[in-house]
Amino acid sequence: MTSRMCLRQLFFSTETPGKDDIVLHSFEECLSNKKLQALNFRHVEEESNKYAGKVIWQSVGGRLIKINPMYPPMREGEIDASFDLPYTRVPHPRYKGKTIPAYEMIRHSVNLHRGCFGGCAFCTISAHQGKFISSRSKESIMKEVRKVCEMDDFKGYISDLGGPSANMYAMGGYDRSICERCVRPSCLHPKPCPNLNNDHSKLLDIYRSVDSLPEVKKSFIGSGVRYDLAMAPNKSEKTNSVNSRYVKELIQSHVSGRLKVAPEHTSEVVLNCMRKPTFALFRKFKSIFDRVNRECGLRQQIIPYFISSHPACHEVDMAELAAITKDLDFHLEQVQDFTPTPMTLATEIYYTGFHPYTGEKVYTAKTESEKQRQRQFFFWYKPEARAGIERELRLLHRSDLIDRLYSRSNKNEDRSRQTSAGSRAGAVSGKTREEKGRKRKKR
């Protein structure tokens, strides 16, 4: 590990690029031609998602910047060593007497792994943790759980057994050599990779082992669950059976009243740009969620995340999202408007106007007016929003959606809204995913 720490990742260099290195378009060229900037991004993303990427160079003001390849994924012993350090698990003394909301959320949680192979267009996780999963050993995880149990304020509830994504623990390719040659930014989009081993048995074993501890009343999964990963067909029927059992146990035993998932949108065009699965898969998952709740006599909520103003999203897409989520009996209260985040595909499209992998132009709402016209559709059910939404739908020549949202036969907005099992959506973060810690645990 010492040699890794001594290797600088990015710096000005007087060396000469090697014959196998990648030389990007210069900074000055990118300023004058945004399409070249988009092409540069593709090189950077592909190399950062390789098991062993190439050295990248770029000229800036006559000087060369050298970008070394990402470090290899941490081995089990290395990641265990990093998590087994003697952390205090309390905030810095300077915060004495103050309440830190982020800390309250994670104080009794345990991080199981690093990395994410989802490759979502708006997320930076793969850019700084990589797409290859580095998982802790069961022994290391259980050791930390026991430490949590010894905390003075522990009441028997583990708030999260998760990671950047809740259910990627111990996963990877059947054939590692195929993974080492792969340049795909996502193992799940556009379809799950046939080499991906999505067996959830090791994760189930962790859940059951934690719950078997006498000090633990219940463990919850607070990280975002990739339902498309759990539901992806596997060539092994045994694995398919295990994964079905995982979904049921997750819903039945590890939801603290609300399960967070991220369909993100309903438009297939927008979802494809986001590198997210079809919305039909969310419908299927919601059907399973509702069924398990009925069978087990539970009254739990499923909390879907949705984003407005993402690249490729138009007003009509948001209008249709409003109608579709209304039909599913969701009332979204807090939402996320797309915020450009460095090192992401979505931000590159936002800035350049081009998709780095196709070269095609992609529309993105940028002005406050454009973004507000999209965002308003999340709140169709609010009386003060109705006039503006109806006016906008007429301008879009979509009066049919006015009928779907406000027809007298469907007008039940004055009812008490008692939550039935999985039938109401609660709040969605209005901040970026990094701010809320949805995918990443802070230590």
Protein backbone atom coordinates (compact mmCIF):
# COMPACT_ATOMS: atom_id res chain seq x y z
CA MET A 1 0.00 0.00 0.00
CA THR A 2 2.96 2.34 0.60
CA SER A 3 3.86 2.45 -3.09
CA ARG A 4 0.30 3.44 -3.94
CA MET A 5 0.38 6.36 -1.54
CA CYS A 6 3.56 7.74 -3.18
CA LEU A 7 2.12 7.77 -6.71
CA ARG A 8 0.65 11.15 -7.60
CA GLN A 9 -2.60 10.95 -9.56
CA LEU A 10 -2.49 14.21 -11.53
CA PHE A 11 0.34 16.72 -11.93
CA PHE A 12 2.32 18.86 -14.37
CA SER A 13 5.09 16.81 -15.95
CA THR A 14 8.18 17.44 -18.08
CA GLU A 15 8.06 13.86 -19.41
CA THR A 16 7.10 12.92 -22.96
CA PRO A 17 3.91 10.88 -23.55
CA GLY A 18 4.55 7.19 -24.26
CA LYS A 19 3.42 5.49 -27.46
CA ASP A 20 0.52 3.73 -25.71
CA ASP A 21 -0.58 6.80 -23.73
CA ILE A 22 -3.67 8.84 -24.61
CA VAL A 23 -3.16 12.50 -25.51
CA LEU A 24 -6.35 14.52 -25.14
CA HIS A 25 -7.31 17.62 -27.08
CA SER A 26 -5.68 20.61 -25.43
CA PHE A 27 -7.42 22.84 -22.93
CA GLU A 28 -7.38 25.69 -25.45
CA GLU A 29 -8.92 23.52 -28.19
CA CYS A 30 -11.71 22.48 -25.83
CA LEU A 31 -12.48 26.11 -24.99
CA SER A 32 -13.06 26.85 -28.67
CA ASN A 33 -14.80 23.57 -29.55
CA LYS A 34 -17.01 21.93 -26.92
CA LYS A 35 -17.41 18.79 -28.99
CA LEU A 36 -13.70 18.12 -28.45
CA GLN A 37 -14.27 18.49 -24.71
CA ALA A 38 -17.01 15.84 -24.94
CA LEU A 39 -14.61 13.50 -26.76
CA ASN A 40 -12.01 14.07 -24.05
CA PHE A 41 -14.53 13.07 -21.38
CA ARG A 42 -15.21 9.75 -23.08
CA HIS A 43 -11.50 8.89 -22.97
CA VAL A 44 -11.24 9.84 -19.29
CA GLU A 45 -14.36 7.89 -18.27
CA GLU A 46 -13.41 4.78 -20.22
CA GLU A 47 -9.89 4.70 -18.82
CA SER A 48 -11.08 5.33 -15.25
CA ASN A 49 -13.47 2.38 -15.56
CA LYS A 50 -10.81 -0.03 -16.76
CA TYR A 51 -9.14 -2.40 -14.36
CA ALA A 52 -5.81 -1.07 -15.64
CA GLY A 53 -6.22 2.18 -17.55
CA LYS A 54 -3.73 4.07 -19.68
CA VAL A 55 -1.81 7.22 -18.81
CA ILE A 56 -3.62 10.34 -20.07
CA TRP A 57 -2.04 13.66 -21.05
CA GLN A 58 -3.41 17.10 -21.84
CA SER A 59 -1.68 20.31 -22.86
CA VAL A 60 -2.59 23.40 -20.85
CA GLY A 61 -0.92 26.71 -21.64
CA GLY A 62 2.03 24.98 -23.22
CA ARG A 63 2.57 22.63 -20.27
CA LEU A 64 1.60 18.97 -20.02
CA ILE A 65 -0.68 17.55 -17.33
CA LYS A 66 -0.19 13.86 -16.66
CA ILE A 67 -3.07 11.78 -15.31
CA ASN A 68 -1.95 8.43 -13.94
CA PRO A 69 -4.32 5.43 -14.07
CA MET A 70 -6.67 4.81 -11.17
CA TYR A 71 -5.34 2.59 -8.42
CA PRO A 72 -6.33 -1.08 -8.57
CA PRO A 73 -9.34 -2.04 -6.45
CA MET A 74 -8.49 -2.61 -2.79
CA ARG A 75 -8.04 -6.24 -1.84
CA GLU A 76 -10.02 -7.67 1.06
CA GLY A 77 -7.09 -7.40 3.45
CA GLU A 78 -6.48 -3.78 2.48
CA ILE A 79 -10.06 -2.64 2.86
CA ASP A 80 -10.36 -4.54 6.15
CA ALA A 81 -7.24 -2.79 7.43
CA SER A 82 -8.71 0.61 6.57
CA PHE A 83 -11.99 -0.12 8.35
CA ASP A 84 -10.41 -1.85 11.34
CA LEU A 85 -8.52 1.28 12.41
CA PRO A 86 -9.48 2.53 15.91
CA TYR A 87 -12.12 5.08 14.90
CA THR A 88 -13.92 6.87 17.73
CA ARG A 89 -17.26 6.86 15.84
CA VAL A 90 -18.05 10.30 17.27
CA PRO A 91 -17.78 13.79 15.74
CA HIS A 92 -14.73 15.98 16.22
CA PRO A 93 -14.57 17.57 19.69
CA ARG A 94 -15.16 21.02 18.19
CA TYR A 95 -18.80 19.96 17.60
CA LYS A 96 -19.38 19.17 21.26
CA GLY A 97 -22.95 19.94 22.25
CA LYS A 98 -24.09 20.44 18.64
CA THR A 99 -26.45 18.23 16.67
CA ILE A 100 -25.11 17.13 13.28
CA PRO A 101 -27.98 15.76 11.15
CA ALA A 102 -25.68 13.76 8.85
CA TYR A 103 -24.03 12.09 11.83
CA GLU A 104 -27.38 11.27 13.44
CA MET A 105 -28.32 9.45 10.25
CA ILE A 106 -25.20 7.26 10.07
CA ARG A 107 -24.02 6.90 13.68
CA HIS A 108 -25.30 3.31 13.96
CA SER A 109 -24.64 2.29 10.35
CA VAL A 110 -21.98 0.00 8.86
CA ASN A 111 -20.42 0.34 5.40
CA LEU A 112 -19.92 -3.03 3.70
CA HIS A 113 -18.02 -2.16 0.53
CA ARG A 114 -16.53 0.46 -1.81
CA GLY A 115 -17.27 1.04 -5.50
CA CYS A 116 -20.36 0.97 -7.70
CA PHE A 117 -20.86 -0.56 -11.14
CA GLY A 118 -24.20 1.15 -11.79
CA GLY A 119 -22.60 3.90 -13.89
CA CYS A 120 -25.46 6.39 -13.49
CA ALA A 121 -24.87 9.43 -15.70
CA PHE A 122 -25.34 11.94 -12.86
CA CYS A 123 -23.29 10.18 -10.16
CA THR A 124 -19.60 10.58 -9.32
CA ILE A 125 -19.15 7.39 -7.30
CA SER A 126 -17.41 5.42 -10.06
CA ALA A 127 -15.15 8.42 -10.77
CA HIS A 128 -13.61 8.37 -7.30
CA GLN A 129 -14.29 4.84 -6.02
CA GLY A 130 -14.27 2.91 -9.29
CA LYS A 131 -16.76 0.43 -10.74
CA PHE A 132 -15.03 -2.63 -9.26
CA ILE A 133 -16.41 -3.63 -5.87
CA SER A 134 -14.04 -3.95 -2.92
CA SER A 135 -15.81 -5.79 -0.13
CA ARG A 136 -14.93 -6.20 3.50
CA SER A 137 -14.69 -9.65 5.02
CA LYS A 138 -17.57 -10.89 7.11
CA GLU A 139 -15.27 -10.90 10.14
CA SER A 140 -14.41 -7.21 9.70
CA ILE A 141 -18.08 -6.27 9.29
CA MET A 142 -19.20 -8.22 12.35
CA LYS A 143 -16.36 -6.69 14.38
CA GLU A 144 -17.66 -3.20 13.57
CA VAL A 145 -21.27 -4.18 14.27
CA ARG A 146 -20.22 -5.36 17.73
CA LYS A 147 -18.51 -2.00 18.30
CA VAL A 148 -21.74 -0.22 17.35
CA CYS A 149 -23.60 -2.41 19.83
CA GLU A 150 -21.24 -1.19 22.55
CA MET A 151 -22.03 2.48 21.94
CA ASP A 152 -23.74 4.16 24.90
CA ASP A 153 -26.67 5.40 22.83
CA PHE A 154 -27.28 2.17 20.90
CA LYS A 155 -30.87 1.00 21.32
CA GLY A 156 -30.71 -2.20 19.30
CA TYR A 157 -31.23 -0.84 15.79
CA ILE A 158 -28.60 -0.82 13.03
CA SER A 159 -29.68 2.06 10.77
CA ASP A 160 -27.93 0.79 7.64
CA LEU A 161 -25.94 -2.15 6.34
CA GLY A 162 -25.02 -0.69 3.00
CA GLY A 163 -22.58 1.12 0.77
CA PRO A 164 -22.57 3.36 -2.30
CA SER A 165 -25.38 1.08 -3.46
CA ALA A 166 -27.08 -1.11 -0.89
CA ASN A 167 -26.80 -4.47 -2.61
CA MET A 168 -23.51 -4.81 -4.52
CA TYR A 169 -21.60 -6.51 -1.69
CA ALA A 170 -19.14 -9.19 -2.88
CA MET A 171 -20.26 -8.91 -6.50
CA GLY A 172 -18.20 -8.93 -9.68
CA GLY A 173 -17.66 -10.87 -12.87
CA TYR A 174 -17.69 -14.66 -13.17
CA ASP A 175 -14.62 -14.37 -15.38
CA ARG A 176 -12.33 -11.69 -13.94
CA SER A 177 -10.24 -11.58 -17.12
CA ILE A 178 -13.29 -10.33 -19.04
CA CYS A 179 -13.78 -7.57 -16.48
CA GLU A 180 -10.13 -6.56 -16.78
CA ARG A 181 -10.60 -5.94 -20.52
CA CYS A 182 -14.00 -4.24 -20.23
CA VAL A 183 -14.53 -0.53 -20.95
CA ARG A 184 -18.25 -0.38 -20.17
CA PRO A 185 -19.02 2.40 -17.67
CA SER A 186 -21.96 0.38 -16.33
CA CYS A 187 -22.42 -3.33 -15.69
CA LEU A 188 -26.21 -2.82 -15.63
CA HIS A 189 -26.92 -0.49 -18.57
CA PRO A 190 -28.19 -0.83 -21.22
CA LYS A 191 -28.67 -4.41 -19.99
CA PRO A 192 -27.03 -6.38 -17.17
CA CYS A 193 -23.73 -7.86 -18.31
CA PRO A 194 -23.97 -11.65 -18.86
CA ASN A 195 -20.64 -11.99 -17.02
CA LEU A 196 -22.04 -10.27 -13.89
CA ASN A 197 -22.52 -12.53 -10.88
CA ASN A 198 -25.40 -10.88 -9.02
CA ASP A 199 -25.72 -13.59 -6.37
CA HIS A 200 -27.08 -11.95 -3.18
CA SER A 201 -26.36 -14.96 -0.92
CA LYS A 202 -23.31 -13.44 0.79
CA LEU A 203 -25.25 -10.26 1.50
CA LEU A 204 -28.14 -12.27 2.94
CA ASP A 205 -25.67 -14.07 5.15
CA ILE A 206 -24.43 -10.72 6.49
CA TYR A 207 -27.99 -9.57 7.24
CA ARG A 208 -28.84 -12.79 9.06
CA SER A 209 -25.58 -12.86 11.03
CA VAL A 210 -26.09 -9.29 12.23
CA ASP A 211 -29.70 -9.96 13.20
CA SER A 212 -28.62 -13.04 15.16
CA LEU A 213 -26.62 -10.95 17.62
CA PRO A 214 -28.49 -10.70 20.94
CA GLU A 215 -27.86 -6.93 21.14
CA VAL A 216 -29.48 -6.29 17.73
CA LYS A 217 -33.26 -5.97 17.62
CA LYS A 218 -33.32 -5.18 13.91
CA SER A 219 -31.06 -4.07 11.06
CA PHE A 220 -32.27 -1.73 8.36
CA ILE A 221 -31.10 -0.95 4.85
CA GLY A 222 -30.87 2.83 4.50
CA SER A 223 -28.73 2.96 1.35
CA GLY A 224 -30.38 3.06 -2.06
CA VAL A 225 -31.31 -0.42 -3.31
CA ARG A 226 -30.64 -1.32 -6.94
CA TYR A 227 -33.79 -3.31 -7.58
CA ASP A 228 -32.71 -3.86 -11.19
CA LEU A 229 -29.65 -5.71 -9.88
CA ALA A 230 -31.66 -7.89 -7.51
CA MET A 231 -34.21 -8.68 -10.23
CA ALA A 232 -31.78 -9.23 -13.11
CA PRO A 233 -32.11 -12.79 -14.50
CA ASN A 234 -29.10 -14.99 -13.84
CA LYS A 235 -28.06 -18.08 -15.79
CA SER A 236 -28.16 -20.00 -12.50
CA GLU A 237 -31.63 -20.88 -11.23
CA LYS A 238 -30.17 -21.23 -7.75
CA THR A 239 -29.01 -17.61 -7.89
CA ASN A 240 -32.40 -16.48 -9.20
CA SER A 241 -34.03 -18.22 -6.22
CA VAL A 242 -31.61 -16.59 -3.77
CA ASN A 243 -32.22 -13.16 -5.29
CA SER A 244 -35.99 -13.56 -5.05
CA ARG A 245 -35.54 -14.49 -1.41
CA TYR A 246 -33.33 -11.41 -0.93
CA VAL A 247 -36.02 -9.08 -2.27
CA LYS A 248 -38.65 -10.62 0.00
CA GLU A 249 -36.45 -10.57 3.12
CA LEU A 250 -35.39 -7.00 2.36
CA ILE A 251 -39.01 -5.83 2.24
CA GLN A 252 -40.20 -8.00 5.11
CA SER A 253 -37.38 -7.53 7.61
CA HIS A 254 -35.08 -4.62 6.73
CA VAL A 255 -37.28 -1.61 5.96
CA SER A 256 -37.63 1.00 8.68
CA GLY A 257 -41.02 2.04 7.35
CA ARG A 258 -39.59 3.51 4.14
CA LEU A 259 -37.57 1.84 1.40
CA LYS A 260 -35.53 4.16 -0.85
CA VAL A 261 -35.21 3.26 -4.52
CA ALA A 262 -34.29 5.38 -7.53
CA PRO A 263 -36.27 4.98 -10.74
CA GLU A 264 -35.26 8.63 -11.44
CA HIS A 265 -37.71 9.16 -14.33
CA THR A 266 -40.50 7.58 -16.34
CA SER A 267 -39.39 8.57 -19.87
CA GLU A 268 -37.45 5.84 -21.64
CA VAL A 269 -35.41 8.44 -23.56
CA VAL A 270 -34.40 10.23 -20.37
CA LEU A 271 -33.72 6.95 -18.54
CA ASN A 272 -31.45 5.82 -21.36
CA CYS A 273 -29.48 9.08 -21.09
CA MET A 274 -29.29 8.54 -17.30
CA ARG A 275 -28.10 4.95 -17.79
CA LYS A 276 -31.03 3.72 -15.74
CA PRO A 277 -33.34 0.73 -16.38
CA THR A 278 -36.78 0.92 -17.94
CA PHE A 279 -39.57 2.26 -15.73
CA ALA A 280 -41.47 -0.98 -16.32
CA LEU A 281 -38.98 -2.63 -13.96
CA PHE A 282 -39.91 -0.19 -11.19
CA ARG A 283 -43.58 -1.06 -11.72
CA LYS A 284 -42.69 -4.73 -11.31
CA PHE A 285 -40.69 -4.05 -8.15
CA LYS A 286 -43.48 -1.93 -6.68
CA SER A 287 -45.92 -4.78 -7.36
CA ILE A 288 -43.66 -7.14 -5.40
CA PHE A 289 -43.27 -4.58 -2.62
CA ASP A 290 -47.03 -4.13 -2.29
CA ARG A 291 -47.66 -7.89 -2.37
CA VAL A 292 -45.10 -8.65 0.35
CA ASN A 293 -46.57 -5.89 2.50
CA ARG A 294 -50.06 -7.35 2.13
CA GLU A 295 -48.91 -10.90 2.84
CA CYS A 296 -46.96 -9.82 5.94
CA GLY A 297 -49.53 -7.34 7.24
CA LEU A 298 -47.11 -4.42 6.93
CA ARG A 299 -47.81 -0.76 6.21
CA GLN A 300 -44.58 0.45 4.64
CA GLN A 301 -43.75 3.12 2.08
CA ILE A 302 -41.65 2.88 -1.02
CA ILE A 303 -39.76 6.14 -1.56
CA PRO A 304 -38.83 6.77 -5.21
CA TYR A 305 -36.26 9.35 -6.26
CA PHE A 306 -37.00 11.41 -9.36
CA ILE A 307 -34.96 14.09 -11.12
CA SER A 308 -36.15 17.02 -13.22
CA SER A 309 -34.14 18.99 -15.82
CA HIS A 310 -31.72 16.12 -16.46
CA PRO A 311 -30.12 16.15 -19.94
CA ALA A 312 -32.57 14.84 -22.58
CA CYS A 313 -35.56 15.75 -20.38
CA HIS A 314 -38.22 18.08 -21.84
CA GLU A 315 -41.29 19.62 -20.23
CA VAL A 316 -43.58 17.05 -21.79
CA ASP A 317 -41.50 14.28 -20.19
CA MET A 318 -42.11 15.84 -16.78
CA ALA A 319 -45.80 16.25 -17.54
CA GLU A 320 -46.06 12.57 -18.37
CA LEU A 321 -44.08 11.72 -15.24
CA ALA A 322 -46.67 13.60 -13.19
CA ALA A 323 -49.53 11.66 -14.76
CA ILE A 324 -47.80 8.31 -14.42
CA THR A 325 -46.83 8.78 -10.77
CA LYS A 326 -50.37 10.00 -10.01
CA ASP A 327 -51.75 6.80 -11.53
CA LEU A 328 -49.41 4.89 -9.20
CA ASP A 329 -50.77 6.91 -6.26
CA PHE A 330 -47.51 8.75 -5.52
CA HIS A 331 -47.50 12.31 -4.21
CA LEU A 332 -43.94 13.62 -4.37
CA GLU A 333 -43.19 16.37 -1.87
CA GLN A 334 -39.45 17.09 -2.12
CA VAL A 335 -37.59 16.53 -5.36
CA GLN A 336 -34.18 16.85 -6.91
CA ASP A 337 -33.58 19.25 -9.75
CA PHE A 338 -30.52 18.25 -11.75
CA THR A 339 -27.36 19.91 -10.46
CA PRO A 340 -24.19 19.66 -12.57
CA THR A 341 -21.55 17.67 -10.67
CA PRO A 342 -17.92 17.45 -11.85
CA MET A 343 -16.72 14.21 -13.48
CA THR A 344 -20.14 12.97 -14.56
CA LEU A 345 -21.54 12.16 -18.01
CA ALA A 346 -24.65 14.26 -17.36
CA THR A 347 -22.59 17.34 -16.51
CA GLU A 348 -20.51 16.89 -19.64
CA ILE A 349 -23.69 16.86 -21.71
CA TYR A 350 -24.99 19.88 -19.78
CA TYR A 351 -21.83 21.87 -20.52
CA THR A 352 -21.02 20.78 -24.07
CA GLY A 353 -24.49 20.09 -25.43
CA PHE A 354 -23.24 16.83 -26.95
CA HIS A 355 -23.38 13.20 -25.84
CA PRO A 356 -19.74 12.05 -25.59
CA TYR A 357 -20.52 8.53 -26.80
CA THR A 358 -22.75 9.37 -29.78
CA GLY A 359 -21.70 12.88 -30.74
CA GLU A 360 -25.37 13.84 -30.97
CA LYS A 361 -26.77 17.09 -29.62
CA VAL A 362 -28.76 16.72 -26.39
CA TYR A 363 -31.11 19.32 -24.94
CA THR A 364 -30.74 20.33 -21.29
CA ALA A 365 -32.90 22.82 -19.38
CA LYS A 366 -30.52 25.48 -18.04
CA THR A 367 -32.31 28.72 -17.28
CA GLU A 368 -34.31 29.17 -14.09
CA SER A 369 -37.45 29.54 -16.17
CA GLU A 370 -36.83 26.30 -18.09
CA LYS A 371 -36.03 24.39 -14.91
CA GLN A 372 -39.07 25.74 -13.05
CA ARG A 373 -41.39 24.75 -15.89
CA GLN A 374 -40.15 21.18 -15.49
CA ARG A 375 -40.03 21.15 -11.70
CA GLN A 376 -43.60 22.35 -11.28
CA PHE A 377 -45.00 19.05 -12.55
CA PHE A 378 -43.80 17.27 -9.42
CA PHE A 379 -46.38 19.30 -7.48
CA TRP A 380 -49.42 18.90 -9.70
CA TYR A 381 -51.55 18.08 -6.64
CA LYS A 382 -50.99 21.46 -4.96
CA PRO A 383 -53.90 23.85 -5.58
CA GLU A 384 -51.55 26.78 -6.17
CA ALA A 385 -49.74 24.88 -8.94
CA ARG A 386 -52.79 23.89 -10.97
CA ALA A 387 -53.29 27.06 -13.02
CA GLY A 388 -49.67 27.18 -14.16
CA ILE A 389 -49.63 23.49 -15.02
CA GLU A 390 -52.84 23.67 -17.03
CA ARG A 391 -51.51 26.71 -18.91
CA GLU A 392 -48.26 24.90 -19.69
CA LEU A 393 -50.02 21.74 -20.84
CA ARG A 394 -52.15 23.73 -23.28
CA LEU A 395 -49.02 25.33 -24.71
CA LEU A 396 -47.57 21.83 -25.10
CA HIS A 397 -50.82 20.70 -26.84
CA ARG A 398 -51.26 18.03 -24.16
CA SER A 399 -54.74 18.79 -22.83
CA ASP A 400 -55.15 15.03 -22.44
CA LEU A 401 -52.81 15.22 -19.46
CA ILE A 402 -55.00 17.89 -17.88
CA ASP A 403 -57.79 15.34 -17.90
CA ARG A 404 -55.55 12.67 -16.37
CA LEU A 405 -54.35 14.97 -13.61
CA TYR A 406 -57.52 16.87 -12.80
CA SER A 407 -60.53 14.96 -14.16
CA ARG A 408 -63.49 14.96 -11.76
CA SER A 409 -63.57 11.16 -11.63
CA ASN A 410 -60.02 11.03 -10.28
CA LYS A 411 -60.21 14.07 -8.05
CA ASN A 412 -59.49 12.75 -4.58
CA GLU A 413 -57.01 15.38 -3.45
CA ASP A 414 -59.08 16.34 -0.39
CA ARG A 415 -59.01 12.88 1.15
CA SER A 416 -57.03 12.35 4.34
CA ARG A 417 -54.15 10.49 2.60
CA GLN A 418 -53.71 7.78 5.19
CA THR A 419 -50.73 5.73 4.02
CA SER A 420 -51.55 2.23 2.82
CA ALA A 421 -48.87 -0.40 2.36
CA GLY A 422 -46.44 1.00 -0.18
CA SER A 423 -49.01 3.27 -1.80
CA ARG A 424 -47.73 6.73 -0.93
CA ALA A 425 -44.39 8.25 -1.75
CA GLY A 426 -42.77 10.39 0.89
CA ALA A 427 -40.07 12.99 0.61
CA VAL A 428 -37.29 12.91 -1.96
CA SER A 429 -34.09 14.78 -1.34
CA GLY A 430 -34.03 18.34 -2.64
CA LYS A 431 -30.25 18.38 -2.30
CA THR A 432 -27.64 16.56 -4.33
CA ARG A 433 -26.99 12.89 -3.64
CA GLU A 434 -23.60 13.69 -2.20
CA GLU A 435 -25.05 16.18 0.30
CA LYS A 436 -27.60 13.70 1.61
CA GLY A 437 -25.14 10.83 1.70
CA ARG A 438 -27.59 8.66 -0.23
CA LYS A 439 -24.90 6.49 -1.70
CA ARG A 440 -21.84 7.18 0.30
CA LYS A 441 -21.10 6.65 3.97
CA LYS A 442 -18.85 9.09 5.79
CA ARG A 443 -16.48 7.74 8.37
